[in-house]
């Protein structure tokens, strides 16, 4: 990696890099999970899904939510750690999903 000052060294913390990458990946997965959940609710309210499909979607979304909880716990992340602040645009995820 090139730096402006060749005499300076860049120190990387392997645990910090791993946690940062996990945060980014889990944030993207959480965003997709919330979008899928909203789409499922819209389709359900529109009557586009059978009772079996509704049950299957509910089970799938519940399992995904549980897997996200497990991964956040593994990487010692709180739900709010996944909500990236986009500055003037606000946060990536809604405050109350």
N, C-alpha and C. Protein backbone atom coordinates (compact mmCIF):
# COMPACT_ATOMS: atom_id res chain seq x y z
N UNK A 1 0.85 -1.17 0.00
CA UNK A 1 0.00 0.00 0.00
C UNK A 1 0.89 1.23 0.00
N UNK A 2 0.58 2.20 -0.82
CA UNK A 2 1.38 3.42 -0.93
C UNK A 2 0.80 4.48 0.00
N UNK A 3 1.69 5.16 0.72
CA UNK A 3 1.26 6.25 1.60
C UNK A 3 1.90 7.54 1.13
N UNK A 4 1.38 8.67 1.60
CA UNK A 4 1.93 9.98 1.23
C UNK A 4 3.32 10.16 1.80
N UNK A 5 3.56 9.58 2.95
CA UNK A 5 4.86 9.69 3.61
C UNK A 5 5.49 8.30 3.65
N UNK A 6 6.49 8.03 2.77
CA UNK A 6 7.08 6.70 2.70
C UNK A 6 7.72 6.23 4.00
N UNK A 7 8.06 7.15 4.91
CA UNK A 7 8.67 6.77 6.17
C UNK A 7 7.67 6.23 7.19
N UNK A 8 6.39 6.44 6.95
CA UNK A 8 5.36 5.98 7.89
C UNK A 8 4.94 4.56 7.55
N UNK A 9 4.66 3.80 8.56
CA UNK A 9 4.18 2.43 8.36
C UNK A 9 2.69 2.37 8.67
N UNK A 10 2.02 1.55 7.93
CA UNK A 10 0.60 1.33 8.18
C UNK A 10 0.49 0.07 9.02
N UNK A 11 -0.14 0.21 10.15
CA UNK A 11 -0.33 -0.94 11.02
C UNK A 11 -1.76 -1.43 10.88
N UNK A 12 -1.89 -2.72 10.61
CA UNK A 12 -3.21 -3.32 10.48
C UNK A 12 -3.43 -4.28 11.63
N UNK A 13 -4.58 -4.17 12.23
CA UNK A 13 -4.98 -5.06 13.31
C UNK A 13 -5.83 -6.16 12.68
N UNK A 14 -5.34 -7.41 12.65
CA UNK A 14 -6.10 -8.50 12.02
C UNK A 14 -7.51 -8.65 12.58
N UNK A 15 -7.67 -8.50 13.88
CA UNK A 15 -9.00 -8.62 14.48
C UNK A 15 -9.89 -7.46 14.05
N UNK A 16 -9.33 -6.27 13.96
CA UNK A 16 -10.09 -5.10 13.53
C UNK A 16 -10.54 -5.23 12.09
N UNK A 17 -9.65 -5.76 11.24
CA UNK A 17 -10.00 -5.96 9.84
C UNK A 17 -11.12 -6.99 9.72
N UNK A 18 -11.00 -8.08 10.47
CA UNK A 18 -12.03 -9.13 10.44
C UNK A 18 -13.37 -8.59 10.92
N UNK A 19 -13.35 -7.84 12.00
CA UNK A 19 -14.59 -7.29 12.55
C UNK A 19 -15.20 -6.27 11.59
N UNK A 20 -14.34 -5.45 10.97
CA UNK A 20 -14.83 -4.46 10.01
C UNK A 20 -15.46 -5.11 8.80
N UNK A 21 -14.83 -6.16 8.30
CA UNK A 21 -15.39 -6.88 7.16
C UNK A 21 -16.70 -7.56 7.55
N UNK A 22 -16.74 -8.17 8.72
CA UNK A 22 -17.96 -8.82 9.20
C UNK A 22 -19.08 -7.79 9.33
N UNK A 23 -18.75 -6.61 9.84
CA UNK A 23 -19.76 -5.55 9.97
C UNK A 23 -20.32 -5.16 8.62
N UNK A 24 -19.45 -4.98 7.64
CA UNK A 24 -19.90 -4.60 6.30
C UNK A 24 -20.78 -5.68 5.68
N UNK A 25 -20.34 -6.92 5.74
CA UNK A 25 -21.10 -8.03 5.13
C UNK A 25 -22.44 -8.19 5.84
N UNK A 26 -22.44 -8.16 7.16
CA UNK A 26 -23.69 -8.33 7.90
C UNK A 26 -24.64 -7.15 7.69
N UNK A 27 -24.10 -5.97 7.47
CA UNK A 27 -24.94 -4.81 7.16
C UNK A 27 -25.66 -5.02 5.84
N UNK A 28 -24.95 -5.51 4.84
CA UNK A 28 -25.56 -5.77 3.54
C UNK A 28 -26.62 -6.86 3.64
N UNK A 29 -26.31 -7.92 4.37
CA UNK A 29 -27.27 -9.01 4.56
C UNK A 29 -28.51 -8.50 5.30
N UNK A 30 -28.31 -7.68 6.32
CA UNK A 30 -29.45 -7.13 7.08
C UNK A 30 -30.30 -6.24 6.20
N UNK A 31 -29.68 -5.43 5.37
CA UNK A 31 -30.44 -4.59 4.44
C UNK A 31 -31.28 -5.44 3.51
N UNK A 32 -30.69 -6.48 2.93
CA UNK A 32 -31.42 -7.38 2.04
C UNK A 32 -32.54 -8.11 2.79
N UNK A 33 -32.27 -8.52 4.02
CA UNK A 33 -33.29 -9.21 4.82
C UNK A 33 -34.50 -8.30 5.04
N UNK A 34 -34.25 -7.04 5.38
CA UNK A 34 -35.34 -6.10 5.61
C UNK A 34 -36.12 -5.83 4.33
N UNK A 35 -35.41 -5.73 3.20
CA UNK A 35 -36.09 -5.51 1.92
C UNK A 35 -36.96 -6.71 1.56
N UNK A 36 -36.43 -7.92 1.77
CA UNK A 36 -37.20 -9.14 1.48
C UNK A 36 -38.44 -9.22 2.37
N UNK A 37 -38.28 -8.85 3.63
CA UNK A 37 -39.40 -8.88 4.56
C UNK A 37 -40.50 -7.91 4.12
N UNK A 38 -40.12 -6.71 3.74
CA UNK A 38 -41.11 -5.72 3.27
C UNK A 38 -41.81 -6.19 2.01
N UNK A 39 -41.04 -6.78 1.09
CA UNK A 39 -41.64 -7.29 -0.15
C UNK A 39 -42.61 -8.42 0.16
N UNK A 40 -42.25 -9.29 1.09
CA UNK A 40 -43.14 -10.40 1.47
C UNK A 40 -44.44 -9.87 2.05
N UNK A 41 -44.35 -8.84 2.90
CA UNK A 41 -45.55 -8.25 3.49
C UNK A 41 -46.42 -7.63 2.41
N UNK A 42 -45.82 -6.92 1.47
CA UNK A 42 -46.58 -6.32 0.37
C UNK A 42 -47.30 -7.39 -0.45
N UNK A 43 -46.58 -8.46 -0.77
CA UNK A 43 -47.20 -9.54 -1.55
C UNK A 43 -48.30 -10.23 -0.77
N UNK A 44 -48.11 -10.39 0.52
CA UNK A 44 -49.12 -11.02 1.36
C UNK A 44 -50.37 -10.15 1.42
N UNK A 45 -50.18 -8.84 1.64
CA UNK A 45 -51.31 -7.92 1.70
C UNK A 45 -52.05 -7.81 0.37
N UNK A 46 -51.33 -7.99 -0.74
CA UNK A 46 -51.94 -7.93 -2.06
C UNK A 46 -52.65 -9.24 -2.42
N UNK A 47 -52.47 -10.27 -1.59
CA UNK A 47 -53.10 -11.55 -1.86
C UNK A 47 -52.39 -12.37 -2.92
N UNK A 48 -51.11 -12.08 -3.17
CA UNK A 48 -50.34 -12.78 -4.20
C UNK A 48 -49.76 -14.10 -3.72
N UNK A 49 -49.88 -14.41 -2.43
CA UNK A 49 -49.25 -15.61 -1.89
C UNK A 49 -50.29 -16.57 -1.33
N UNK A 50 -50.00 -17.86 -1.49
CA UNK A 50 -50.85 -18.87 -0.88
C UNK A 50 -50.50 -18.99 0.60
N UNK A 51 -51.34 -19.66 1.35
CA UNK A 51 -51.07 -19.86 2.77
C UNK A 51 -49.75 -20.61 2.96
N UNK A 52 -49.48 -21.60 2.10
CA UNK A 52 -48.23 -22.35 2.18
C UNK A 52 -47.01 -21.48 1.93
N UNK A 53 -47.13 -20.59 0.95
CA UNK A 53 -46.03 -19.67 0.64
C UNK A 53 -45.79 -18.70 1.79
N UNK A 54 -46.88 -18.25 2.41
CA UNK A 54 -46.75 -17.34 3.56
C UNK A 54 -46.03 -18.05 4.70
N UNK A 55 -46.42 -19.28 4.98
CA UNK A 55 -45.75 -20.05 6.04
C UNK A 55 -44.27 -20.25 5.73
N UNK A 56 -43.97 -20.59 4.48
CA UNK A 56 -42.59 -20.83 4.07
C UNK A 56 -41.75 -19.56 4.19
N UNK A 57 -42.31 -18.45 3.74
CA UNK A 57 -41.60 -17.17 3.85
C UNK A 57 -41.37 -16.80 5.30
N UNK A 58 -42.37 -16.98 6.13
CA UNK A 58 -42.23 -16.67 7.55
C UNK A 58 -41.12 -17.49 8.20
N UNK A 59 -41.10 -18.79 7.89
CA UNK A 59 -40.07 -19.66 8.44
C UNK A 59 -38.69 -19.26 7.95
N UNK A 60 -38.57 -18.96 6.67
CA UNK A 60 -37.30 -18.57 6.09
C UNK A 60 -36.78 -17.27 6.70
N UNK A 61 -37.65 -16.28 6.81
CA UNK A 61 -37.24 -14.99 7.38
C UNK A 61 -36.88 -15.13 8.86
N UNK A 62 -37.59 -15.98 9.58
CA UNK A 62 -37.27 -16.21 10.99
C UNK A 62 -35.89 -16.86 11.12
N UNK A 63 -35.61 -17.86 10.29
CA UNK A 63 -34.30 -18.52 10.34
C UNK A 63 -33.18 -17.56 9.98
N UNK A 64 -33.42 -16.72 8.97
CA UNK A 64 -32.41 -15.73 8.59
C UNK A 64 -32.16 -14.75 9.73
N UNK A 65 -33.21 -14.33 10.40
CA UNK A 65 -33.07 -13.41 11.53
C UNK A 65 -32.28 -14.07 12.66
N UNK A 66 -32.56 -15.33 12.93
CA UNK A 66 -31.83 -16.06 13.98
C UNK A 66 -30.35 -16.22 13.60
N UNK A 67 -30.08 -16.51 12.32
CA UNK A 67 -28.70 -16.65 11.86
C UNK A 67 -27.96 -15.32 12.00
N UNK A 68 -28.65 -14.22 11.70
CA UNK A 68 -28.04 -12.89 11.86
C UNK A 68 -27.72 -12.62 13.32
N UNK A 69 -28.63 -13.00 14.21
CA UNK A 69 -28.39 -12.82 15.65
C UNK A 69 -27.14 -13.59 16.08
N UNK A 70 -27.02 -14.84 15.60
CA UNK A 70 -25.86 -15.68 15.94
C UNK A 70 -24.57 -15.06 15.43
N UNK A 71 -24.58 -14.57 14.19
CA UNK A 71 -23.38 -13.98 13.61
C UNK A 71 -23.00 -12.68 14.31
N UNK A 72 -24.00 -11.87 14.64
CA UNK A 72 -23.70 -10.63 15.38
C UNK A 72 -23.08 -10.97 16.73
N UNK A 73 -23.62 -11.98 17.38
CA UNK A 73 -23.07 -12.39 18.68
C UNK A 73 -21.64 -12.89 18.52
N UNK A 74 -21.39 -13.69 17.47
CA UNK A 74 -20.05 -14.23 17.23
C UNK A 74 -19.02 -13.12 17.06
N UNK A 75 -19.39 -12.07 16.35
CA UNK A 75 -18.47 -10.96 16.09
C UNK A 75 -18.63 -9.83 17.10
N UNK A 76 -19.42 -10.06 18.15
CA UNK A 76 -19.64 -9.08 19.22
C UNK A 76 -20.14 -7.75 18.65
N UNK A 77 -21.19 -7.84 17.83
CA UNK A 77 -21.78 -6.66 17.22
C UNK A 77 -23.21 -6.48 17.72
N UNK A 78 -23.58 -5.26 18.00
CA UNK A 78 -24.95 -4.94 18.36
C UNK A 78 -25.71 -4.59 17.08
N UNK A 79 -27.04 -4.71 17.09
CA UNK A 79 -27.81 -4.36 15.89
C UNK A 79 -27.49 -2.96 15.36
N UNK A 80 -27.28 -2.02 16.27
CA UNK A 80 -26.99 -0.65 15.82
C UNK A 80 -25.62 -0.52 15.15
N UNK A 81 -24.71 -1.49 15.39
CA UNK A 81 -23.41 -1.47 14.73
C UNK A 81 -23.54 -1.68 13.22
N UNK A 82 -24.66 -2.26 12.80
CA UNK A 82 -24.86 -2.54 11.38
C UNK A 82 -25.52 -1.38 10.64
N UNK A 83 -25.87 -0.34 11.35
CA UNK A 83 -26.57 0.78 10.74
C UNK A 83 -25.58 1.88 10.39
N UNK A 84 -25.04 1.81 9.20
CA UNK A 84 -24.01 2.74 8.74
C UNK A 84 -24.59 4.16 8.61
N UNK A 85 -23.88 5.13 9.15
CA UNK A 85 -24.27 6.53 9.05
C UNK A 85 -23.79 7.09 7.73
N UNK A 86 -24.73 7.55 6.92
CA UNK A 86 -24.41 8.08 5.59
C UNK A 86 -24.32 9.60 5.59
N UNK A 87 -24.04 10.18 6.74
CA UNK A 87 -23.90 11.63 6.84
C UNK A 87 -25.21 12.34 6.65
N UNK A 88 -25.26 13.29 5.71
CA UNK A 88 -26.47 14.09 5.52
C UNK A 88 -27.67 13.26 5.05
N UNK A 89 -27.41 12.06 4.51
CA UNK A 89 -28.51 11.21 4.05
C UNK A 89 -29.18 10.44 5.19
N UNK A 90 -28.54 10.43 6.34
CA UNK A 90 -29.07 9.67 7.47
C UNK A 90 -28.42 8.30 7.56
N UNK A 91 -29.11 7.38 8.19
CA UNK A 91 -28.56 6.04 8.35
C UNK A 91 -29.04 5.13 7.23
N UNK A 92 -28.28 4.07 6.98
CA UNK A 92 -28.61 3.14 5.91
C UNK A 92 -29.90 2.39 6.20
N UNK A 93 -30.02 1.91 7.43
CA UNK A 93 -31.20 1.13 7.82
C UNK A 93 -32.17 2.02 8.59
N UNK A 94 -33.45 1.75 8.47
CA UNK A 94 -34.41 2.53 9.26
C UNK A 94 -34.13 2.35 10.75
N UNK A 95 -34.42 3.35 11.53
CA UNK A 95 -34.18 3.27 12.97
C UNK A 95 -35.03 2.19 13.62
N UNK A 96 -36.27 2.05 13.18
CA UNK A 96 -37.18 1.04 13.71
C UNK A 96 -37.62 0.11 12.59
N UNK A 97 -36.81 -0.94 12.31
CA UNK A 97 -37.15 -1.83 11.19
C UNK A 97 -38.44 -2.58 11.40
